[in-house]
Amino acid sequence: MSATLLPCNAESALTIAKNKTANVNKEEGGYSRDDLRTQDLILKTSNLLSQLRGYGRYVEAEKTARELLARIRMQYGESSQYTAVCQINLAMILASTGSSAEALDLYAKVRKIYGDERNDMGSASLAILSAPLLVGLGDFSEAETELK
């Protein structure tokens, strides 16, 4: 297993991720090229944000998360699952820096996107993404509820 090196800054990493998504040139599994590019960008940026948080580079992580969220909101709207994933990413960073109120506000917006249904794939994704956030905020009972 090789170690992944952290890029010199989040801006260059986001540019690299954007450029790599340009290599997707066919439709797969019912997703459009744009959707595949977006999924790839979000995944790569999520990994970067996790690394930045791990290194304590919260300001850079928050800036990158907000930029990606703005871009995804503009392209897919407020009620998109892509927007929800970006909001959870930002909420995780905010929770790490003590901005619990804003993190909880983002989590509430994500819950609206996914609704109260707990039996579909979207809800499973929400549980996987939000449980660590809720634990980080000290809301163990809500985290447990999400994972049921």
N, C-alpha and C. Protein backbone atom coordinates (compact mmCIF):
# COMPACT_ATOMS: atom_id res chain seq x y z
N MET A 1 0.84 -1.17 0.00
CA MET A 1 0.00 0.00 0.00
C MET A 1 0.89 1.24 0.00
N SER A 2 0.70 2.12 -0.95
CA SER A 2 1.53 3.31 -1.03
C SER A 2 0.84 4.47 -0.32
N ALA A 3 1.63 5.35 0.24
CA ALA A 3 1.09 6.51 0.93
C ALA A 3 0.69 7.56 -0.09
N THR A 4 -0.41 8.24 0.19
CA THR A 4 -0.84 9.33 -0.67
C THR A 4 -0.25 10.61 -0.13
N LEU A 5 0.43 11.34 -0.97
CA LEU A 5 1.02 12.60 -0.55
C LEU A 5 0.02 13.71 -0.67
N LEU A 6 0.00 14.57 0.33
CA LEU A 6 -0.90 15.71 0.33
C LEU A 6 -0.38 16.74 -0.65
N PRO A 7 -1.23 17.22 -1.57
CA PRO A 7 -0.79 18.26 -2.51
C PRO A 7 -0.35 19.51 -1.74
N CYS A 8 0.40 20.38 -2.40
CA CYS A 8 0.93 21.55 -1.73
C CYS A 8 -0.17 22.46 -1.20
N ASN A 9 -1.29 22.54 -1.86
CA ASN A 9 -2.41 23.29 -1.32
C ASN A 9 -3.72 22.77 -1.91
N ALA A 10 -4.81 23.14 -1.27
CA ALA A 10 -6.12 22.63 -1.67
C ALA A 10 -6.52 23.11 -3.05
N GLU A 11 -6.14 24.33 -3.41
CA GLU A 11 -6.51 24.86 -4.72
C GLU A 11 -5.90 24.03 -5.84
N SER A 12 -4.63 23.67 -5.70
CA SER A 12 -4.01 22.86 -6.75
C SER A 12 -4.62 21.47 -6.79
N ALA A 13 -4.98 20.93 -5.63
CA ALA A 13 -5.60 19.61 -5.60
C ALA A 13 -6.97 19.64 -6.25
N LEU A 14 -7.74 20.69 -6.01
CA LEU A 14 -9.06 20.81 -6.62
C LEU A 14 -8.91 20.94 -8.13
N THR A 15 -7.91 21.67 -8.60
CA THR A 15 -7.65 21.79 -10.03
C THR A 15 -7.28 20.44 -10.63
N ILE A 16 -6.43 19.70 -9.92
CA ILE A 16 -6.05 18.36 -10.39
C ILE A 16 -7.28 17.47 -10.49
N ALA A 17 -8.13 17.51 -9.46
CA ALA A 17 -9.34 16.68 -9.46
C ALA A 17 -10.25 17.06 -10.61
N LYS A 18 -10.41 18.35 -10.87
CA LYS A 18 -11.24 18.80 -11.99
C LYS A 18 -10.69 18.28 -13.31
N ASN A 19 -9.37 18.37 -13.48
CA ASN A 19 -8.75 17.92 -14.73
C ASN A 19 -8.88 16.42 -14.92
N LYS A 20 -8.75 15.66 -13.85
CA LYS A 20 -8.85 14.21 -13.95
C LYS A 20 -10.27 13.79 -14.34
N THR A 21 -11.27 14.55 -13.90
CA THR A 21 -12.65 14.18 -14.24
C THR A 21 -12.91 14.37 -15.72
N ALA A 22 -12.11 15.16 -16.41
CA ALA A 22 -12.29 15.36 -17.84
C ALA A 22 -12.02 14.08 -18.63
N ASN A 23 -11.35 13.11 -18.00
CA ASN A 23 -11.05 11.85 -18.68
C ASN A 23 -12.26 10.92 -18.79
N VAL A 24 -13.33 11.21 -18.06
CA VAL A 24 -14.53 10.39 -18.15
C VAL A 24 -15.23 10.74 -19.46
N ASN A 25 -15.33 9.78 -20.36
CA ASN A 25 -15.86 10.12 -21.68
C ASN A 25 -16.96 9.19 -22.17
N LYS A 26 -17.62 8.49 -21.25
CA LYS A 26 -18.74 7.65 -21.68
C LYS A 26 -19.74 7.54 -20.54
N GLU A 27 -20.94 7.15 -20.89
CA GLU A 27 -21.97 6.95 -19.88
C GLU A 27 -21.90 5.53 -19.35
N GLU A 28 -22.06 5.41 -18.03
CA GLU A 28 -22.06 4.11 -17.39
C GLU A 28 -23.19 4.08 -16.38
N GLY A 29 -23.84 2.94 -16.25
CA GLY A 29 -24.83 2.74 -15.20
C GLY A 29 -25.93 3.77 -15.13
N GLY A 30 -26.27 4.38 -16.25
CA GLY A 30 -27.36 5.35 -16.25
C GLY A 30 -26.95 6.75 -15.81
N TYR A 31 -25.70 6.95 -15.47
CA TYR A 31 -25.24 8.28 -15.09
C TYR A 31 -24.71 9.01 -16.31
N SER A 32 -24.97 10.31 -16.36
CA SER A 32 -24.43 11.11 -17.45
C SER A 32 -22.95 11.37 -17.21
N ARG A 33 -22.27 11.84 -18.25
CA ARG A 33 -20.86 12.19 -18.10
C ARG A 33 -20.67 13.24 -17.02
N ASP A 34 -21.56 14.23 -16.98
CA ASP A 34 -21.46 15.27 -15.95
C ASP A 34 -21.62 14.69 -14.55
N ASP A 35 -22.57 13.76 -14.39
CA ASP A 35 -22.76 13.13 -13.08
C ASP A 35 -21.52 12.34 -12.67
N LEU A 36 -20.95 11.61 -13.60
CA LEU A 36 -19.74 10.85 -13.29
C LEU A 36 -18.58 11.78 -12.92
N ARG A 37 -18.46 12.86 -13.63
CA ARG A 37 -17.42 13.84 -13.31
C ARG A 37 -17.66 14.44 -11.93
N THR A 38 -18.90 14.76 -11.64
CA THR A 38 -19.23 15.34 -10.35
C THR A 38 -18.94 14.35 -9.23
N GLN A 39 -19.34 13.10 -9.41
CA GLN A 39 -19.07 12.08 -8.40
C GLN A 39 -17.58 11.94 -8.16
N ASP A 40 -16.81 11.92 -9.22
CA ASP A 40 -15.36 11.79 -9.12
C ASP A 40 -14.76 13.00 -8.41
N LEU A 41 -15.21 14.18 -8.77
CA LEU A 41 -14.71 15.41 -8.14
C LEU A 41 -15.03 15.41 -6.66
N ILE A 42 -16.26 15.05 -6.30
CA ILE A 42 -16.65 15.05 -4.89
C ILE A 42 -15.85 14.02 -4.11
N LEU A 43 -15.66 12.85 -4.68
CA LEU A 43 -14.89 11.81 -3.99
C LEU A 43 -13.45 12.26 -3.76
N LYS A 44 -12.82 12.78 -4.78
CA LYS A 44 -11.43 13.22 -4.65
C LYS A 44 -11.31 14.39 -3.68
N THR A 45 -12.25 15.31 -3.76
CA THR A 45 -12.20 16.46 -2.86
C THR A 45 -12.50 16.02 -1.42
N SER A 46 -13.41 15.07 -1.25
CA SER A 46 -13.69 14.55 0.09
C SER A 46 -12.45 13.93 0.71
N ASN A 47 -11.72 13.18 -0.09
CA ASN A 47 -10.46 12.59 0.39
C ASN A 47 -9.46 13.68 0.77
N LEU A 48 -9.36 14.70 -0.06
CA LEU A 48 -8.47 15.82 0.24
C LEU A 48 -8.88 16.50 1.53
N LEU A 49 -10.17 16.76 1.71
CA LEU A 49 -10.65 17.43 2.91
C LEU A 49 -10.35 16.61 4.16
N SER A 50 -10.48 15.31 4.04
CA SER A 50 -10.15 14.44 5.17
C SER A 50 -8.67 14.55 5.52
N GLN A 51 -7.83 14.60 4.50
CA GLN A 51 -6.38 14.75 4.74
C GLN A 51 -6.08 16.11 5.37
N LEU A 52 -6.69 17.16 4.85
CA LEU A 52 -6.45 18.49 5.40
C LEU A 52 -6.88 18.55 6.87
N ARG A 53 -8.03 17.98 7.18
CA ARG A 53 -8.48 17.92 8.58
C ARG A 53 -7.48 17.15 9.43
N GLY A 54 -7.00 16.04 8.91
CA GLY A 54 -6.04 15.23 9.64
C GLY A 54 -4.75 15.95 9.94
N TYR A 55 -4.36 16.85 9.07
CA TYR A 55 -3.14 17.63 9.27
C TYR A 55 -3.41 18.94 10.01
N GLY A 56 -4.66 19.16 10.40
CA GLY A 56 -4.99 20.37 11.14
C GLY A 56 -5.06 21.61 10.28
N ARG A 57 -5.20 21.45 8.98
CA ARG A 57 -5.25 22.59 8.06
C ARG A 57 -6.72 22.96 7.80
N TYR A 58 -7.38 23.39 8.89
CA TYR A 58 -8.82 23.62 8.86
C TYR A 58 -9.24 24.79 8.00
N VAL A 59 -8.47 25.86 7.99
CA VAL A 59 -8.83 27.04 7.20
C VAL A 59 -8.85 26.67 5.72
N GLU A 60 -7.83 25.97 5.28
CA GLU A 60 -7.73 25.54 3.88
C GLU A 60 -8.84 24.54 3.55
N ALA A 61 -9.11 23.63 4.49
CA ALA A 61 -10.17 22.64 4.27
C ALA A 61 -11.54 23.32 4.16
N GLU A 62 -11.80 24.26 5.05
CA GLU A 62 -13.09 24.95 5.02
C GLU A 62 -13.26 25.75 3.73
N LYS A 63 -12.22 26.45 3.32
CA LYS A 63 -12.29 27.24 2.08
C LYS A 63 -12.59 26.33 0.88
N THR A 64 -11.89 25.22 0.80
CA THR A 64 -12.08 24.28 -0.30
C THR A 64 -13.49 23.68 -0.27
N ALA A 65 -13.96 23.30 0.92
CA ALA A 65 -15.30 22.72 1.05
C ALA A 65 -16.37 23.72 0.65
N ARG A 66 -16.21 24.96 1.05
CA ARG A 66 -17.20 25.99 0.70
C ARG A 66 -17.21 26.26 -0.81
N GLU A 67 -16.03 26.28 -1.42
CA GLU A 67 -15.95 26.50 -2.87
C GLU A 67 -16.63 25.36 -3.63
N LEU A 68 -16.37 24.13 -3.22
CA LEU A 68 -17.00 22.99 -3.89
C LEU A 68 -18.50 23.01 -3.69
N LEU A 69 -18.95 23.30 -2.46
CA LEU A 69 -20.38 23.36 -2.18
C LEU A 69 -21.06 24.42 -3.05
N ALA A 70 -20.44 25.58 -3.18
CA ALA A 70 -21.02 26.64 -4.02
C ALA A 70 -21.13 26.19 -5.47
N ARG A 71 -20.09 25.53 -5.96
CA ARG A 71 -20.10 25.05 -7.35
C ARG A 71 -21.19 24.00 -7.57
N ILE A 72 -21.30 23.06 -6.64
CA ILE A 72 -22.29 21.99 -6.77
C ILE A 72 -23.70 22.55 -6.62
N ARG A 73 -23.91 23.47 -5.70
CA ARG A 73 -25.23 24.11 -5.55
C ARG A 73 -25.64 24.81 -6.84
N MET A 74 -24.70 25.52 -7.43
CA MET A 74 -25.00 26.26 -8.66
C MET A 74 -25.38 25.30 -9.79
N GLN A 75 -24.69 24.17 -9.86
CA GLN A 75 -24.93 23.23 -10.96
C GLN A 75 -26.14 22.34 -10.71
N TYR A 76 -26.34 21.88 -9.47
CA TYR A 76 -27.37 20.86 -9.20
C TYR A 76 -28.51 21.33 -8.32
N GLY A 77 -28.38 22.49 -7.69
CA GLY A 77 -29.45 23.01 -6.85
C GLY A 77 -29.31 22.59 -5.40
N GLU A 78 -30.19 23.17 -4.60
CA GLU A 78 -30.14 22.98 -3.15
C GLU A 78 -30.57 21.59 -2.71
N SER A 79 -31.42 20.92 -3.48
CA SER A 79 -31.98 19.64 -3.03
C SER A 79 -31.29 18.42 -3.64
N SER A 80 -30.14 18.61 -4.23
CA SER A 80 -29.40 17.52 -4.84
C SER A 80 -28.65 16.69 -3.79
N GLN A 81 -28.55 15.39 -4.04
CA GLN A 81 -27.76 14.55 -3.15
C GLN A 81 -26.28 14.93 -3.23
N TYR A 82 -25.83 15.44 -4.35
CA TYR A 82 -24.45 15.93 -4.45
C TYR A 82 -24.24 17.10 -3.49
N THR A 83 -25.23 17.99 -3.43
CA THR A 83 -25.17 19.11 -2.51
C THR A 83 -25.13 18.61 -1.07
N ALA A 84 -25.92 17.59 -0.78
CA ALA A 84 -25.96 17.03 0.57
C ALA A 84 -24.60 16.49 0.99
N VAL A 85 -23.94 15.78 0.10
CA VAL A 85 -22.61 15.23 0.42
C VAL A 85 -21.63 16.37 0.71
N CYS A 86 -21.69 17.40 -0.10
CA CYS A 86 -20.79 18.55 0.11
C CYS A 86 -21.11 19.26 1.42
N GLN A 87 -22.39 19.32 1.78
CA GLN A 87 -22.76 19.95 3.05
C GLN A 87 -22.25 19.13 4.24
N ILE A 88 -22.31 17.81 4.14
CA ILE A 88 -21.79 16.96 5.22
C ILE A 88 -20.28 17.15 5.33
N ASN A 89 -19.59 17.22 4.18
CA ASN A 89 -18.13 17.45 4.22
C ASN A 89 -17.80 18.75 4.95
N LEU A 90 -18.53 19.81 4.61
CA LEU A 90 -18.29 21.10 5.26
C LEU A 90 -18.65 21.01 6.74
N ALA A 91 -19.75 20.36 7.06
CA ALA A 91 -20.17 20.22 8.46
C ALA A 91 -19.11 19.50 9.29
N MET A 92 -18.47 18.49 8.71
CA MET A 92 -17.42 17.76 9.43
C MET A 92 -16.26 18.71 9.78
N ILE A 93 -15.90 19.57 8.86
CA ILE A 93 -14.82 20.52 9.10
C ILE A 93 -15.23 21.53 10.17
N LEU A 94 -16.46 22.04 10.04
CA LEU A 94 -16.95 23.01 11.02
C LEU A 94 -17.02 22.40 12.42
N ALA A 95 -17.44 21.15 12.50
CA ALA A 95 -17.49 20.48 13.80
C ALA A 95 -16.08 20.36 14.39
N SER A 96 -15.09 20.13 13.54
CA SER A 96 -13.70 20.01 14.00
C SER A 96 -13.15 21.32 14.53
N THR A 97 -13.72 22.43 14.06
CA THR A 97 -13.22 23.74 14.48
C THR A 97 -14.09 24.38 15.55
N GLY A 98 -15.11 23.66 16.02
CA GLY A 98 -15.95 24.18 17.08
C GLY A 98 -17.16 24.96 16.61
N SER A 99 -17.41 25.01 15.32
CA SER A 99 -18.58 25.72 14.78
C SER A 99 -19.78 24.78 14.74
N SER A 100 -20.17 24.31 15.92
CA SER A 100 -21.22 23.30 16.03
C SER A 100 -22.56 23.76 15.50
N ALA A 101 -22.93 25.01 15.74
CA ALA A 101 -24.23 25.51 15.31
C ALA A 101 -24.37 25.45 13.79
N GLU A 102 -23.36 25.91 13.08
CA GLU A 102 -23.41 25.87 11.62
C GLU A 102 -23.37 24.44 11.11
N ALA A 103 -22.58 23.58 11.78
CA ALA A 103 -22.52 22.18 11.39
C ALA A 103 -23.88 21.51 11.54
N LEU A 104 -24.57 21.79 12.65
CA LEU A 104 -25.90 21.21 12.87
C LEU A 104 -26.92 21.77 11.87
N ASP A 105 -26.78 23.04 11.51
CA ASP A 105 -27.66 23.64 10.51
C ASP A 105 -27.50 22.93 9.16
N LEU A 106 -26.26 22.66 8.78
CA LEU A 106 -26.01 21.93 7.52
C LEU A 106 -26.59 20.52 7.59
N TYR A 107 -26.42 19.86 8.73
CA TYR A 107 -26.96 18.51 8.90
C TYR A 107 -28.49 18.54 8.74
N ALA A 108 -29.15 19.56 9.31
CA ALA A 108 -30.61 19.67 9.18
C ALA A 108 -31.02 19.84 7.71
N LYS A 109 -30.24 20.60 6.96
CA LYS A 109 -30.52 20.76 5.52
C LYS A 109 -30.37 19.43 4.79
N VAL A 110 -29.37 18.67 5.17
CA VAL A 110 -29.15 17.36 4.54
C VAL A 110 -30.31 16.43 4.86
N ARG A 111 -30.79 16.45 6.09
CA ARG A 111 -31.93 15.60 6.47
C ARG A 111 -33.15 15.95 5.60
N LYS A 112 -33.34 17.23 5.29
CA LYS A 112 -34.46 17.63 4.43
C LYS A 112 -34.31 17.05 3.02
N ILE A 113 -33.09 17.02 2.53
CA ILE A 113 -32.85 16.48 1.19
C ILE A 113 -33.19 15.00 1.15
N TYR A 114 -32.75 14.26 2.16
CA TYR A 114 -32.96 12.82 2.17
C TYR A 114 -34.31 12.42 2.74
N GLY A 115 -34.95 13.30 3.49
CA GLY A 115 -36.23 12.97 4.09
C GLY A 115 -36.07 12.03 5.27
N ASP A 116 -37.18 11.49 5.72
CA ASP A 116 -37.17 10.61 6.89
C ASP A 116 -37.12 9.15 6.52
N GLU A 117 -37.15 8.83 5.25
CA GLU A 117 -37.08 7.43 4.84
C GLU A 117 -35.73 6.85 5.21
N ARG A 118 -35.72 5.68 5.79
CA ARG A 118 -34.47 5.05 6.21
C ARG A 118 -34.27 3.71 5.51
N ASN A 119 -34.96 3.51 4.40
CA ASN A 119 -34.87 2.21 3.75
C ASN A 119 -34.37 2.28 2.31
N ASP A 120 -33.82 3.40 1.90
CA ASP A 120 -33.32 3.48 0.54
C ASP A 120 -31.81 3.73 0.54
N MET A 121 -31.22 3.66 -0.63
CA MET A 121 -29.77 3.80 -0.75
C MET A 121 -29.30 5.18 -0.31
N GLY A 122 -30.09 6.21 -0.60
CA GLY A 122 -29.72 7.56 -0.18
C GLY A 122 -29.60 7.67 1.32
N SER A 123 -30.54 7.05 2.03
CA SER A 123 -30.48 7.10 3.49
C SER A 123 -29.28 6.34 4.02
N ALA A 124 -28.93 5.25 3.36
CA ALA A 124 -27.73 4.51 3.78
C ALA A 124 -26.50 5.37 3.60
N SER A 125 -26.43 6.10 2.49
CA SER A 125 -25.31 7.00 2.25
C SER A 125 -25.28 8.10 3.30
N LEU A 126 -26.44 8.64 3.63
CA LEU A 126 -26.53 9.69 4.64
C LEU A 126 -26.02 9.18 5.98
N ALA A 127 -26.41 7.97 6.35
CA ALA A 127 -25.97 7.41 7.62
C ALA A 127 -24.46 7.27 7.68
N ILE A 128 -23.88 6.78 6.61
CA ILE A 128 -22.42 6.60 6.57
C ILE A 128 -21.70 7.95 6.66
N LEU A 129 -22.25 8.96 6.01
CA LEU A 129 -21.63 10.27 6.01
C LEU A 129 -21.85 11.04 7.31
N SER A 130 -23.07 10.94 7.85
CA SER A 130 -23.41 11.81 8.98
C SER A 130 -23.08 11.23 10.35
N ALA A 131 -22.99 9.93 10.49
CA ALA A 131 -22.71 9.35 11.81
C ALA A 131 -21.42 9.90 12.42
N PRO A 132 -20.30 9.96 11.66
CA PRO A 132 -19.09 10.54 12.26
C PRO A 132 -19.26 12.00 12.66
N LEU A 133 -20.03 12.75 11.88
CA LEU A 133 -20.30 14.15 12.21
C LEU A 133 -21.04 14.23 13.54
N LEU A 134 -22.08 13.44 13.68
CA LEU A 134 -22.89 13.48 14.89
C LEU A 134 -22.09 13.03 16.11
N VAL A 135 -21.26 12.03 15.95
CA VAL A 135 -20.39 11.60 17.05
C VAL A 135 -19.44 12.73 17.42
N GLY A 136 -18.87 13.39 16.42
CA GLY A 136 -17.97 14.51 16.67
C GLY A 136 -18.65 15.65 17.40
N LEU A 137 -19.95 15.81 17.18
CA LEU A 137 -20.71 16.86 17.87
C LEU A 137 -21.25 16.39 19.22
N GLY A 138 -20.99 15.11 19.54
CA GLY A 138 -21.43 14.57 20.83
C GLY A 138 -22.86 14.08 20.84
N ASP A 139 -23.50 13.97 19.67
CA ASP A 139 -24.89 13.51 19.59
C ASP A 139 -24.91 12.02 19.28
N PHE A 140 -24.59 11.21 20.29
CA PHE A 140 -24.45 9.77 20.09
C PHE A 140 -25.78 9.09 19.79
N SER A 141 -26.86 9.56 20.40
CA SER A 141 -28.14 8.90 20.16
C SER A 141 -28.62 9.12 18.72
N GLU A 142 -28.42 10.32 18.18
CA GLU A 142 -28.80 10.59 16.79
C GLU A 142 -27.91 9.79 15.83
N ALA A 143 -26.62 9.68 16.16
CA ALA A 143 -25.71 8.89 15.33
C ALA A 143 -26.16 7.43 15.32
N GLU A 144 -26.56 6.92 16.47
CA GLU A 144 -27.04 5.54 16.55
C GLU A 144 -28.31 5.37 15.73
N THR A 145 -29.20 6.34 15.81
CA THR A 145 -30.45 6.30 15.04
C THR A 145 -30.16 6.28 13.56
N GLU A 146 -29.20 7.10 13.11
CA GLU A 146 -28.83 7.14 11.69
C GLU A 146 -28.33 5.78 11.20
N LEU A 147 -27.62 5.08 12.05
CA LEU A 147 -27.01 3.81 11.62
C LEU A 147 -27.96 2.63 11.70
N LYS A 148 -29.14 2.80 12.27
CA LYS A 148 -30.11 1.69 12.34
C LYS A 148 -30.79 1.46 11.02
